[in-house]
Amino acid sequence: MRDGPALTVRDLSVHYGRVQAVRRASLDVHAGEIVALLGGNGAGKSSLLRAVDGLPAHRLASSGIALVPEGRQLLASMTVRDNLLLGAYTHHASDVAALLGPVSRVLRRPAMRMRLESVYRLFPQLAGREGQVSGSLSGGEQQMLAIARALMAAPRLLLLDEPSIGLAPNLVREILALLVRLRDEGLTILLVEQDAHAALRIADRGYVMETGRIVAEGAARSLLGSERMRRAYLGMV
């Protein structure tokens, strides 16, 4: 049995000018599960995730939410280690230059050193490249760094927006296997993903969006096994 909701969204609507991207969406993410938010391009899933992430930064930090954004948004000219330390200091840094001084002192804090050691155990590839600038990493390594940076904030709820984009299938499998491991270790995950089949294979539950609305929800196995759902909403034949 899962614990209570780690995230509750009720009747959320999102507008971009006159365009309504999300229409009265409601969902729950329970502690200790992976929930997949699925749909095609333009369905509204990333808009919903960005709306959740759009809470004021201090509220996100205090509520234990961290985001791995679409496109990773790493600081390409900074090293792997400095990207990670920024994640530890604040996940939503609005003025990176102002943080460079405080970040240089983060490693003197035992808790921060422990977090850094923990993510290096999860991502040994990054440990061997901690002095390398992040812009020189491969696509798969950059995605791992983006996830590791979010984990440096010690979140209780991890939001991921399209982590498979631009990655080879073997790297996608590696990233998804990591998410299962994090879930099994107690992290709660809301995963936005176009690859419905891959997402539902690791998720506990799923929500399906179409034209801004949540049109279906249920156990991942049930959604994956429904031919009507696969054909109508998930782009799977």
Protein backbone atom coordinates (compact mmCIF):
# COMPACT_ATOMS: atom_id res chain seq x y z
CA MET A 1 0.00 0.00 0.00
CA ARG A 2 1.33 3.45 -0.95
CA ASP A 3 1.33 6.38 1.43
CA GLY A 4 -0.80 9.48 0.89
CA PRO A 5 -0.33 11.91 -1.99
CA ALA A 6 3.07 13.57 -2.38
CA LEU A 7 1.46 15.87 -4.95
CA THR A 8 -2.18 16.77 -5.49
CA VAL A 9 -3.37 18.83 -8.45
CA ARG A 10 -7.00 19.86 -8.74
CA ASP A 11 -8.75 21.58 -11.64
CA LEU A 12 -5.56 23.12 -12.99
CA SER A 13 -5.85 25.23 -16.11
CA VAL A 14 -2.98 26.83 -18.01
CA HIS A 15 -3.28 29.58 -20.63
CA TYR A 16 -0.69 31.07 -22.98
CA GLY A 17 -2.46 34.23 -24.01
CA ARG A 18 -5.74 33.08 -25.55
CA VAL A 19 -4.54 29.51 -26.01
CA GLN A 20 -5.57 27.09 -23.27
CA ALA A 21 -2.88 24.43 -22.89
CA VAL A 22 -4.30 22.60 -19.86
CA ARG A 23 -8.01 22.28 -19.09
CA ARG A 24 -9.04 21.59 -15.48
CA ALA A 25 -6.58 18.77 -14.95
CA SER A 26 -6.51 16.82 -11.69
CA LEU A 27 -4.03 14.19 -10.61
CA ASP A 28 -2.41 12.62 -7.56
CA VAL A 29 1.11 11.31 -7.14
CA HIS A 30 1.45 9.05 -4.11
CA ALA A 31 4.60 8.75 -2.08
CA GLY A 32 6.94 6.03 -3.31
CA GLU A 33 5.57 5.56 -6.82
CA ILE A 34 6.38 6.47 -10.39
CA VAL A 35 3.50 8.16 -12.18
CA ALA A 36 3.74 8.60 -15.95
CA LEU A 37 2.05 11.59 -17.60
CA LEU A 38 1.57 10.64 -21.23
CA GLY A 39 0.32 12.08 -24.50
CA GLY A 40 1.42 13.25 -27.90
CA ASN A 41 2.99 16.55 -28.88
CA GLY A 42 0.78 19.43 -27.82
CA ALA A 43 -1.25 17.32 -25.40
CA GLY A 44 -0.43 19.65 -22.51
CA LYS A 45 1.68 17.38 -20.35
CA SER A 46 4.79 19.57 -20.25
CA SER A 47 2.62 22.63 -19.62
CA LEU A 48 1.09 20.87 -16.64
CA LEU A 49 4.52 19.95 -15.29
CA ARG A 50 5.83 23.50 -15.75
CA ALA A 51 2.78 24.84 -13.90
CA VAL A 52 3.63 22.63 -10.91
CA ASP A 53 7.25 23.74 -11.17
CA GLY A 54 6.13 27.36 -11.42
CA LEU A 55 5.48 27.61 -7.71
CA PRO A 56 7.73 30.22 -6.02
CA ALA A 57 11.25 28.89 -5.59
CA HIS A 58 11.17 28.96 -1.80
CA ARG A 59 7.97 26.91 -1.76
CA LEU A 60 9.50 24.33 -4.07
CA ALA A 61 12.57 24.02 -1.88
CA SER A 62 10.58 23.71 1.32
CA SER A 63 8.19 21.17 -0.20
CA GLY A 64 11.01 18.95 -1.45
CA ILE A 65 10.28 19.19 -5.19
CA ALA A 66 13.03 19.16 -7.83
CA LEU A 67 12.70 19.38 -11.61
CA VAL A 68 14.76 17.82 -14.39
CA PRO A 69 13.70 20.12 -17.26
CA GLU A 70 13.31 19.24 -20.90
CA GLY A 71 16.57 20.05 -22.64
CA ARG A 72 18.51 19.62 -19.35
CA GLN A 73 19.40 23.34 -19.04
CA LEU A 74 22.89 22.71 -17.71
CA LEU A 75 25.42 25.52 -17.38
CA ALA A 76 27.59 24.42 -20.27
CA SER A 77 30.70 26.43 -19.36
CA MET A 78 30.74 25.18 -15.75
CA THR A 79 32.21 21.91 -14.58
CA VAL A 80 30.24 18.82 -13.65
CA ARG A 81 30.99 19.43 -9.99
CA ASP A 82 29.91 23.08 -10.07
CA ASN A 83 26.63 22.17 -11.79
CA LEU A 84 26.02 19.65 -9.04
CA LEU A 85 26.85 22.12 -6.29
CA LEU A 86 24.43 24.64 -7.73
CA GLY A 87 21.76 21.97 -7.49
CA ALA A 88 22.63 21.49 -3.82
CA TYR A 89 22.60 25.18 -3.06
CA THR A 90 19.32 26.00 -4.78
CA HIS A 91 17.47 24.20 -7.54
CA HIS A 92 16.01 27.41 -8.95
CA ALA A 93 18.97 29.78 -9.14
CA SER A 94 17.83 33.07 -10.64
CA ASP A 95 21.24 34.74 -10.50
CA VAL A 96 24.04 32.25 -11.05
CA ALA A 97 26.79 34.87 -10.76
CA ALA A 98 25.61 35.81 -7.27
CA LEU A 99 25.75 32.16 -6.24
CA LEU A 100 29.30 31.40 -7.36
CA GLY A 101 30.77 32.60 -4.07
CA PRO A 102 28.35 30.69 -1.82
CA VAL A 103 28.65 27.57 -4.00
CA SER A 104 32.41 27.52 -3.51
CA ARG A 105 31.77 27.07 0.21
CA VAL A 106 29.14 24.33 -0.11
CA LEU A 107 31.64 21.45 -0.04
CA ARG A 108 32.72 22.42 3.46
CA ARG A 109 29.30 21.35 4.70
CA PRO A 110 29.29 17.63 5.62
CA ALA A 111 25.75 17.13 4.35
CA MET A 112 26.67 18.54 0.95
CA ARG A 113 29.76 16.37 0.70
CA MET A 114 27.61 13.34 1.48
CA ARG A 115 25.13 14.29 -1.25
CA LEU A 116 27.92 14.71 -3.76
CA GLU A 117 29.38 11.32 -2.85
CA SER A 118 25.90 9.79 -3.11
CA VAL A 119 25.25 11.03 -6.65
CA TYR A 120 28.74 9.95 -7.72
CA ARG A 121 27.88 6.45 -6.53
CA LEU A 122 24.71 6.58 -8.65
CA PHE A 123 26.58 8.06 -11.61
CA PRO A 124 30.17 6.81 -11.58
CA GLN A 125 30.65 8.25 -15.08
CA LEU A 126 30.24 11.74 -13.61
CA ALA A 127 32.71 11.10 -10.82
CA GLY A 128 35.41 10.54 -13.42
CA ARG A 129 34.49 13.80 -15.17
CA GLU A 130 33.83 16.16 -12.27
CA GLY A 131 36.38 18.68 -13.52
CA GLN A 132 35.11 18.57 -17.11
CA VAL A 133 32.82 21.32 -18.40
CA SER A 134 29.30 20.01 -18.83
CA GLY A 135 29.01 21.24 -22.42
CA SER A 136 31.64 18.72 -23.49
CA LEU A 137 29.71 15.71 -22.16
CA SER A 138 27.77 13.32 -24.37
CA GLY A 139 23.99 13.60 -24.51
CA GLY A 140 23.54 10.65 -22.18
CA GLU A 141 26.06 12.04 -19.69
CA GLN A 142 24.35 15.43 -19.76
CA GLN A 143 21.00 13.81 -18.97
CA MET A 144 22.59 11.93 -16.09
CA LEU A 145 24.09 15.20 -14.84
CA ALA A 146 20.71 16.92 -15.03
CA ILE A 147 19.15 14.16 -12.91
CA ALA A 148 22.10 14.16 -10.51
CA ARG A 149 21.86 17.94 -10.13
CA ALA A 150 18.19 17.64 -9.14
CA LEU A 151 19.03 14.88 -6.65
CA MET A 152 21.55 17.18 -4.97
CA ALA A 153 18.56 19.10 -3.60
CA ALA A 154 17.56 15.91 -1.70
CA PRO A 155 13.99 16.04 -3.05
CA ARG A 156 11.07 13.93 -1.95
CA LEU A 157 9.38 14.39 -5.34
CA LEU A 158 11.29 14.39 -8.63
CA LEU A 159 9.67 15.87 -11.75
CA LEU A 160 11.16 14.80 -15.10
CA ASP A 161 10.22 16.38 -18.42
CA GLU A 162 10.97 14.17 -21.45
CA PRO A 163 14.24 12.63 -20.22
CA SER A 164 14.51 10.34 -23.26
CA ILE A 165 14.65 13.09 -25.90
CA GLY A 166 17.71 12.82 -28.11
CA LEU A 167 19.07 9.68 -26.46
CA ALA A 168 19.89 6.32 -28.04
CA PRO A 169 17.63 3.42 -26.98
CA ASN A 170 20.29 1.82 -24.78
CA LEU A 171 20.75 5.10 -22.89
CA VAL A 172 16.99 5.50 -22.49
CA ARG A 173 16.85 2.04 -20.91
CA GLU A 174 19.69 3.00 -18.58
CA ILE A 175 17.95 6.22 -17.49
CA LEU A 176 14.63 4.44 -16.91
CA ALA A 177 16.32 1.67 -14.94
CA LEU A 178 17.84 4.37 -12.74
CA LEU A 179 14.39 5.84 -12.10
CA VAL A 180 13.16 2.43 -10.96
CA ARG A 181 16.12 2.18 -8.59
CA LEU A 182 15.38 5.65 -7.18
CA ARG A 183 11.71 4.72 -6.72
CA ASP A 184 12.69 1.52 -4.94
CA GLU A 185 14.89 3.60 -2.61
CA GLY A 186 11.89 5.76 -1.67
CA LEU A 187 11.86 8.65 -4.14
CA THR A 188 8.53 9.71 -5.66
CA ILE A 189 8.62 10.47 -9.39
CA LEU A 190 6.30 12.23 -11.84
CA LEU A 191 7.53 11.42 -15.34
CA VAL A 192 6.43 13.27 -18.48
CA GLU A 193 7.32 11.12 -21.46
CA GLN A 194 6.34 10.75 -25.12
CA ASP A 195 7.56 7.16 -25.24
CA ALA A 196 4.42 5.73 -23.66
CA HIS A 197 5.49 2.10 -23.89
CA ALA A 198 8.82 2.68 -22.14
CA ALA A 199 7.26 4.88 -19.45
CA LEU A 200 4.40 2.51 -18.64
CA ARG A 201 6.79 -0.43 -18.33
CA ILE A 202 8.42 1.23 -15.28
CA ALA A 203 5.50 3.25 -13.89
CA ASP A 204 3.04 2.27 -11.17
CA ARG A 205 0.23 4.40 -12.58
CA GLY A 206 -0.37 6.66 -15.54
CA TYR A 207 -2.41 9.62 -16.72
CA VAL A 208 -3.10 10.24 -20.41
CA MET A 209 -3.59 13.76 -21.79
CA GLU A 210 -5.14 14.89 -25.06
CA THR A 211 -5.73 18.50 -26.13
CA GLY A 212 -5.10 19.76 -22.61
CA ARG A 213 -7.41 17.33 -20.83
CA ILE A 214 -6.70 14.21 -18.82
CA VAL A 215 -8.72 11.63 -20.71
CA ALA A 216 -7.68 8.45 -18.92
CA GLU A 217 -5.91 7.22 -15.81
CA GLY A 218 -5.17 3.91 -14.21
CA ALA A 219 -2.61 1.31 -13.32
CA ALA A 220 0.27 1.30 -15.76
CA ARG A 221 -0.26 -2.35 -16.62
CA SER A 222 -3.92 -1.70 -17.40
CA LEU A 223 -3.15 1.25 -19.68
CA LEU A 224 -0.40 -0.66 -21.43
CA GLY A 225 -2.66 -3.64 -21.99
CA SER A 226 -5.63 -1.69 -23.38
CA GLU A 227 -5.62 -1.81 -27.17
CA ARG A 228 -8.19 0.99 -27.38
CA MET A 229 -6.04 3.20 -25.16
CA ARG A 230 -2.92 2.39 -27.10
CA ARG A 231 -4.49 3.23 -30.44
CA ALA A 232 -6.54 6.24 -29.40
CA TYR A 233 -4.20 8.12 -27.13
CA LEU A 234 -0.74 6.61 -26.77
CA GLY A 235 0.40 6.48 -30.38
CA MET A 236 1.02 2.74 -30.08
CA VAL A 237 -0.19 0.09 -32.52
